[in-house]
C-alpha atoms as a PDB file:
ATOM      1  CA  MET A   1       9.505   6.945   6.609  1.00  0.00           C
ATOM      2  CA  LEU A   2       7.859   8.833   3.778  1.00  0.00           C
ATOM      3  CA  PHE A   3       4.509  10.441   4.476  1.00  0.00           C
ATOM      4  CA  LEU A   4       2.586  11.794   1.483  1.00  0.00           C
ATOM      5  CA  SER A   5      -0.535  13.866   1.965  1.00  0.00           C
ATOM      6  CA  CYS A   6      -1.507  15.049  -1.460  1.00  0.00           C
ATOM      7  CA  LEU A   7      -4.943  16.607  -1.421  1.00  0.00           C
ATOM      8  CA  SER A   8      -5.117  17.503  -5.112  1.00  0.00           C
ATOM      9  CA  TRP A   9      -2.524  15.227  -6.739  1.00  0.00           C
ATOM     10  CA  MET A  10      -3.914  12.959  -9.434  1.00  0.00           C
ATOM     11  CA  SER A  11      -0.722  10.873  -9.428  1.00  0.00           C
ATOM     12  CA  LEU A  12       2.267  10.435  -7.165  1.00  0.00           C
ATOM     13  CA  PRO A  13       5.641  11.829  -8.236  1.00  0.00           C
ATOM     14  CA  THR A  14       7.912   9.599 -10.292  1.00  0.00           C
ATOM     15  CA  GLY A  15      11.090   8.212  -8.793  1.00  0.00           C
ATOM     16  CA  PHE A  16       9.642   5.833  -6.200  1.00  0.00           C
ATOM     17  CA  GLY A  17      11.665   2.974  -7.617  1.00  0.00           C
ATOM     18  CA  ASP A  18      14.840   4.797  -6.579  1.00  0.00           C
ATOM     19  CA  LEU A  19      13.955   4.659  -2.879  1.00  0.00           C
ATOM     20  CA  LYS A  20      15.351   1.157  -2.396  1.00  0.00           C
ATOM     21  CA  LYS A  21      15.974   1.617   1.348  1.00  0.00           C
ATOM     22  CA  LEU A  22      12.577   3.107   2.200  1.00  0.00           C
ATOM     23  CA  GLU A  23      11.033   1.022   4.990  1.00  0.00           C
ATOM     24  CA  SER A  24       7.753   2.829   5.639  1.00  0.00           C
ATOM     25  CA  LEU A  25       5.343   4.584   3.276  1.00  0.00           C
ATOM     26  CA  ARG A  26       2.101   6.300   4.196  1.00  0.00           C
ATOM     27  CA  VAL A  27      -0.141   7.785   1.517  1.00  0.00           C
ATOM     28  CA  SER A  28      -2.980   9.776   3.039  1.00  0.00           C
ATOM     29  CA  GLU A  29      -5.710  12.210   2.038  1.00  0.00           C
ATOM     30  CA  CYS A  30      -5.028  11.929  -1.677  1.00  0.00           C
ATOM     31  CA  TYR A  31      -8.620  12.487  -2.712  1.00  0.00           C
ATOM     32  CA  SER A  32      -7.860  12.962  -6.427  1.00  0.00           C
ATOM     33  CA  LEU A  33      -5.333  10.133  -6.704  1.00  0.00           C
ATOM     34  CA  THR A  34      -6.664   7.421  -9.024  1.00  0.00           C
ATOM     35  CA  SER A  35      -3.853   4.857  -8.913  1.00  0.00           C
ATOM     36  CA  LEU A  36      -0.604   3.947  -7.230  1.00  0.00           C
ATOM     37  CA  PRO A  37       2.528   3.933  -9.397  1.00  0.00           C
ATOM     38  CA  ASP A  38       3.975   0.701 -10.761  1.00  0.00           C
ATOM     39  CA  GLU A  39       7.281   1.905  -9.302  1.00  0.00           C
ATOM     40  CA  LEU A  40       5.966   0.827  -5.906  1.00  0.00           C
ATOM     41  CA  ALA A  41       7.248  -2.645  -6.790  1.00  0.00           C
ATOM     42  CA  GLY A  42      10.802  -1.254  -6.599  1.00  0.00           C
ATOM     43  CA  LEU A  43      10.562  -0.540  -2.874  1.00  0.00           C
ATOM     44  CA  THR A  44      12.298  -3.752  -1.886  1.00  0.00           C
ATOM     45  CA  SER A  45      12.995  -2.726   1.747  1.00  0.00           C
ATOM     46  CA  LEU A  46       9.421  -1.648   2.488  1.00  0.00           C
ATOM     47  CA  GLN A  47       8.066  -3.073   5.756  1.00  0.00           C
ATOM     48  CA  THR A  48       5.058  -0.806   6.336  1.00  0.00           C
ATOM     49  CA  LEU A  49       2.515   0.403   3.782  1.00  0.00           C
ATOM     50  CA  ILE A  50      -0.431   2.507   4.921  1.00  0.00           C
ATOM     51  CA  ILE A  51      -2.964   3.972   2.522  1.00  0.00           C
ATOM     52  CA  ASN A  52      -5.874   5.969   3.852  1.00  0.00           C
ATOM     53  CA  LYS A  53      -8.410   8.468   2.582  1.00  0.00           C
ATOM     54  CA  CYS A  54      -7.636   7.805  -1.085  1.00  0.00           C
ATOM     55  CA  PRO A  55     -11.173   6.941  -2.233  1.00  0.00           C
ATOM     56  CA  ARG A  56     -10.443   6.944  -5.981  1.00  0.00           C
ATOM     57  CA  VAL A  57      -7.675   4.340  -5.796  1.00  0.00           C
ATOM     58  CA  THR A  58      -9.281   1.050  -6.801  1.00  0.00           C
ATOM     59  CA  SER A  59      -6.412  -1.445  -7.015  1.00  0.00           C
ATOM     60  CA  LEU A  60      -2.762  -2.138  -6.324  1.00  0.00           C
ATOM     61  CA  PRO A  61      -0.295  -2.098  -9.222  1.00  0.00           C
ATOM     62  CA  GLU A  62       0.833  -5.345 -10.810  1.00  0.00           C
ATOM     63  CA  GLY A  63       4.107  -6.891  -9.702  1.00  0.00           C
ATOM     64  CA  LEU A  64       3.725  -6.206  -5.972  1.00  0.00           C
ATOM     65  CA  ASP A  65       3.981  -9.853  -4.906  1.00  0.00           C
ATOM     66  CA  GLN A  66       7.522  -9.575  -3.518  1.00  0.00           C
ATOM     67  CA  ILE A  67       6.837  -6.278  -1.759  1.00  0.00           C
ATOM     68  CA  LEU A  68       3.702  -7.646  -0.094  1.00  0.00           C
ATOM     69  CA  TYR A  69       5.577 -10.743   1.113  1.00  0.00           C
ATOM     70  CA  GLY A  70       8.082  -8.494   2.884  1.00  0.00           C
ATOM     71  CA  LEU A  71       5.569  -6.267   4.664  1.00  0.00           C
ATOM     72  CA  ARG A  72       5.107  -6.430   8.416  1.00  0.00           C
ATOM     73  CA  LYS A  73       2.223  -3.952   8.394  1.00  0.00           C
ATOM     74  CA  PHE A  74      -0.318  -3.202   5.672  1.00  0.00           C
ATOM     75  CA  GLN A  75      -3.260  -0.957   6.392  1.00  0.00           C
ATOM     76  CA  ILE A  76      -5.981   0.385   4.120  1.00  0.00           C
ATOM     77  CA  SER A  77      -8.714   2.662   5.433  1.00  0.00           C
ATOM     78  CA  GLU A  78     -11.348   4.903   3.898  1.00  0.00           C
ATOM     79  CA  CYS A  79     -10.583   3.571   0.402  1.00  0.00           C
ATOM     80  CA  PRO A  80     -13.672   1.400  -0.251  1.00  0.00           C
ATOM     81  CA  ASP A  81     -12.776   0.071  -3.702  1.00  0.00           C
ATOM     82  CA  LEU A  82      -9.166  -0.591  -2.737  1.00  0.00           C
ATOM     83  CA  GLU A  83     -10.295  -2.401   0.407  1.00  0.00           C
ATOM     84  CA  LYS A  84     -12.522  -4.642  -1.701  1.00  0.00           C
ATOM     85  CA  PHE A  85      -9.671  -5.267  -4.168  1.00  0.00           C
ATOM     86  CA  CYS A  86      -7.381  -6.292  -1.299  1.00  0.00           C
ATOM     87  CA  GLU A  87      -9.993  -8.672   0.102  1.00  0.00           C
ATOM     88  CA  GLU A  88     -11.009 -10.268  -3.206  1.00  0.00           C
ATOM     89  CA  GLY A  89      -8.297  -9.501  -5.770  1.00  0.00           C
ATOM     90  CA  PRO A  90      -5.173 -11.343  -6.919  1.00  0.00           C
ATOM     91  CA  TYR A  91      -3.158 -10.425  -3.808  1.00  0.00           C
ATOM     92  CA  SER A  92      -5.820 -11.399  -1.256  1.00  0.00           C
ATOM     93  CA  SER A  93      -4.059 -14.579  -0.079  1.00  0.00           C
ATOM     94  CA  ILE A  94      -0.736 -12.756   0.353  1.00  0.00           C
ATOM     95  CA  ILE A  95      -2.380  -9.821   2.139  1.00  0.00           C
ATOM     96  CA  SER A  96      -4.215 -12.137   4.528  1.00  0.00           C
ATOM     97  CA  GLN A  97      -0.844 -13.486   5.715  1.00  0.00           C
ATOM     98  CA  ILE A  98       0.873 -10.127   6.371  1.00  0.00           C
ATOM     99  CA  GLY A  99       1.886  -9.947  10.002  1.00  0.00           C
ATOM    100  CA  LYS A 100       1.458 -13.684  10.570  1.00  0.00           C
ATOM    101  CA  ARG A 101       4.731 -14.755   8.961  1.00  0.00           C
ATOM    102  CA  ARG A 102       6.923 -12.979  11.500  1.00  0.00           C
ATOM    103  CA  ASN A 103       4.859 -13.751  14.598  1.00  0.00           C
ATOM    104  CA  ASP A 104       3.536 -10.198  14.623  1.00  0.00           C
ATOM    105  CA  SER A 105       0.390  -9.918  16.681  1.00  0.00           C
ATOM    106  CA  ALA A 106      -1.020  -7.077  14.576  1.00  0.00           C
ATOM    107  CA  GLY A 107      -2.209  -8.663  11.369  1.00  0.00           C
ATOM    108  CA  PRO A 108      -3.307  -6.858   8.244  1.00  0.00           C
ATOM    109  CA  SER A 109      -5.909  -4.206   8.713  1.00  0.00           C
ATOM    110  CA  THR A 110      -8.316  -3.008   6.100  1.00  0.00           C
ATOM    111  CA  ASP A 111     -10.510  -0.923   8.343  1.00  0.00           C
ATOM    112  CA  ALA A 112     -10.184   2.320  10.244  1.00  0.00           C
END
């Protein structure tokens, strides 16, 4: 698990694509962060993605289809624009199925 709490970071560090075996990522309290890196698509073993209190992040990077299909848990909270993107954007149908494909009872959550 990688937990990033980056109060003043405007971007996340490079090198995410190298973490091929990372299964859980939590990005929290990144108030200045404006976007998530495209390298997120390289996290092919990711099963849990939690993003909270990152109010300036407005969308997910392109190319996340495969990562989203593999997630068991996806949670967004206190990121209003990102929550809207996840509900209405290009990944909305994939996101709505997270947790249902593996008979998980806890489906996707976009609220606190």
